[in-house]
Amino acid sequence: MALFGRSDKEKEAVASSGVPQARPVMGREGYCRICKKRVMFTRCWQRPRPLAKCEACSAPFDNPVAVYAKTIPACPRCGEYLEQAGFEYGMCDGCGSKYEFVQGAKASLLPNRVQRDEMDKVGRAWIRE
């Protein structure tokens, strides 16, 4: 049963590893580049430790240290940008895009596969390694 936004799936993730995968944090307001307006980010979380597998394609990382050694870590299999330990993230309530929040800076978009393909097609500057 889901109480206070905590689902059974999250309980299973904590029980299997002993450490929660993500810690919920207070929602915030910010500018969404996709919606092109200031919106509320009610679903926000902080990653307590680096990921051991990709959340998009579920591919396990053989060497997570090498994956996270890059400036912007990405899954070697699907190219999905990974969340870093200690950073806060949030989902836009309007369009569902994922953003990374850094204290004192604008929220930066972590584009999903469709958004990355569109950026490549249109020619927007984005770091890809």
Protein backbone atom coordinates (compact mmCIF):
# COMPACT_ATOMS: atom_id res chain seq x y z
CA MET A 1 0.00 0.00 0.00
CA ALA A 2 1.34 3.43 -0.91
CA LEU A 3 1.39 5.83 2.03
CA PHE A 4 2.67 9.38 1.64
CA GLY A 5 3.90 8.75 -1.90
CA ARG A 6 6.02 5.72 -1.02
CA SER A 7 5.23 2.75 -3.21
CA ASP A 8 5.86 -0.93 -2.63
CA LYS A 9 8.44 -0.87 -5.44
CA GLU A 10 10.56 1.61 -3.43
CA LYS A 11 10.32 -0.61 -0.34
CA GLU A 12 11.57 -3.58 -2.38
CA ALA A 13 14.53 -1.56 -3.69
CA VAL A 14 15.50 -0.57 -0.14
CA ALA A 15 15.04 -4.12 1.17
CA SER A 16 17.14 -5.72 -1.59
CA SER A 17 20.14 -3.41 -1.26
CA GLY A 18 19.76 -2.10 2.28
CA VAL A 19 20.31 1.49 1.06
CA PRO A 20 17.61 3.64 -0.54
CA GLN A 21 18.15 4.39 -4.24
CA ALA A 22 16.90 7.99 -3.91
CA ARG A 23 15.95 10.27 -1.02
CA PRO A 24 12.90 12.54 -1.54
CA VAL A 25 13.52 16.27 -1.04
CA MET A 26 11.33 19.36 -0.92
CA GLY A 27 9.72 20.43 -4.21
CA ARG A 28 10.72 23.69 -5.85
CA GLU A 29 9.80 26.09 -8.62
CA GLY A 30 11.99 26.58 -11.65
CA TYR A 31 12.10 27.37 -15.35
CA CYS A 32 11.41 24.46 -17.70
CA ARG A 33 13.07 24.76 -21.11
CA ILE A 34 10.56 22.38 -22.67
CA CYS A 35 7.40 24.08 -21.31
CA LYS A 36 9.09 27.51 -21.76
CA LYS A 37 7.73 28.83 -18.45
CA ARG A 38 8.25 28.69 -14.70
CA VAL A 39 6.62 25.56 -13.31
CA MET A 40 6.54 23.63 -10.07
CA PHE A 41 8.74 20.58 -9.57
CA THR A 42 6.87 18.57 -6.92
CA ARG A 43 8.69 15.26 -7.55
CA CYS A 44 12.25 15.99 -6.36
CA TRP A 45 14.91 13.64 -4.98
CA GLN A 46 18.58 13.37 -4.11
CA ARG A 47 20.76 10.46 -5.13
CA PRO A 48 22.74 9.21 -2.05
CA ARG A 49 25.19 7.08 -4.07
CA PRO A 50 26.12 6.43 -7.71
CA LEU A 51 23.97 4.07 -9.73
CA ALA A 52 25.12 0.50 -10.35
CA LYS A 53 22.84 0.06 -13.37
CA CYS A 54 21.08 2.29 -15.87
CA GLU A 55 17.55 3.33 -14.94
CA ALA A 56 16.47 3.52 -18.60
CA CYS A 57 17.74 0.22 -20.05
CA SER A 58 18.61 -1.66 -16.79
CA ALA A 59 22.10 -2.49 -18.07
CA PRO A 60 24.50 -3.13 -15.16
CA PHE A 61 27.77 -1.18 -15.17
CA ASP A 62 30.88 -3.39 -15.13
CA ASN A 63 32.99 -0.49 -13.86
CA PRO A 64 30.84 2.33 -12.38
CA VAL A 65 33.94 4.35 -11.46
CA ALA A 66 34.93 4.61 -15.14
CA VAL A 67 31.38 5.56 -16.15
CA TYR A 68 31.22 8.31 -13.51
CA ALA A 69 34.74 9.60 -14.32
CA LYS A 70 33.35 11.57 -17.30
CA THR A 71 32.21 15.18 -16.98
CA ILE A 72 28.63 14.17 -17.77
CA PRO A 73 28.25 10.45 -17.02
CA ALA A 74 26.10 8.52 -19.48
CA CYS A 75 25.10 4.90 -19.92
CA PRO A 76 27.52 3.22 -22.35
CA ARG A 77 24.67 1.15 -23.81
CA CYS A 78 21.77 3.60 -24.37
CA GLY A 79 23.37 7.03 -23.80
CA GLU A 80 20.98 8.05 -20.99
CA TYR A 81 22.56 10.70 -18.76
CA LEU A 82 23.10 9.37 -15.23
CA GLU A 83 22.32 11.00 -11.91
CA GLN A 84 25.32 11.79 -9.73
CA ALA A 85 25.58 11.17 -6.00
CA GLY A 86 24.77 14.17 -3.82
CA PHE A 87 22.94 16.11 -6.54
CA GLU A 88 19.25 16.99 -6.44
CA TYR A 89 16.92 16.14 -9.31
CA GLY A 90 13.30 16.89 -10.15
CA MET A 91 10.60 16.13 -12.70
CA CYS A 92 8.65 18.97 -14.32
CA ASP A 93 4.96 18.77 -13.44
CA GLY A 94 4.04 20.10 -16.89
CA CYS A 95 5.95 17.84 -19.29
CA GLY A 96 7.80 15.29 -17.14
CA SER A 97 11.33 16.36 -18.15
CA LYS A 98 14.12 15.61 -15.68
CA TYR A 99 16.25 18.47 -14.33
CA GLU A 100 19.37 18.64 -12.17
CA PHE A 101 19.37 21.31 -9.46
CA VAL A 102 22.62 22.89 -8.32
CA GLN A 103 22.60 25.48 -5.54
CA GLY A 104 22.96 29.00 -6.96
CA ALA A 105 22.56 27.97 -10.61
CA LYS A 106 19.74 27.50 -13.11
CA ALA A 107 18.24 24.03 -13.33
CA SER A 108 19.88 22.04 -16.11
CA LEU A 109 17.92 19.65 -18.31
CA LEU A 110 18.92 15.99 -18.41
CA PRO A 111 17.33 15.09 -21.74
CA ASN A 112 15.75 11.71 -22.29
CA ARG A 113 16.29 9.73 -25.50
CA VAL A 114 13.55 11.49 -27.49
CA GLN A 115 14.79 14.92 -26.38
CA ARG A 116 18.43 14.00 -27.21
CA ASP A 117 17.40 12.85 -30.70
CA GLU A 118 15.48 16.10 -31.25
CA MET A 119 18.44 18.19 -30.05
CA ASP A 120 20.75 16.33 -32.42
CA LYS A 121 18.33 16.82 -35.32
CA VAL A 122 17.83 20.54 -34.65
CA GLY A 123 21.53 21.09 -33.95
CA ARG A 124 21.42 22.34 -30.40
CA ALA A 125 24.75 22.35 -28.60
CA TRP A 126 24.92 19.54 -26.04
CA ILE A 127 27.92 17.67 -24.65
CA ARG A 128 28.03 14.05 -25.79
CA GLU A 129 30.99 11.78 -25.29
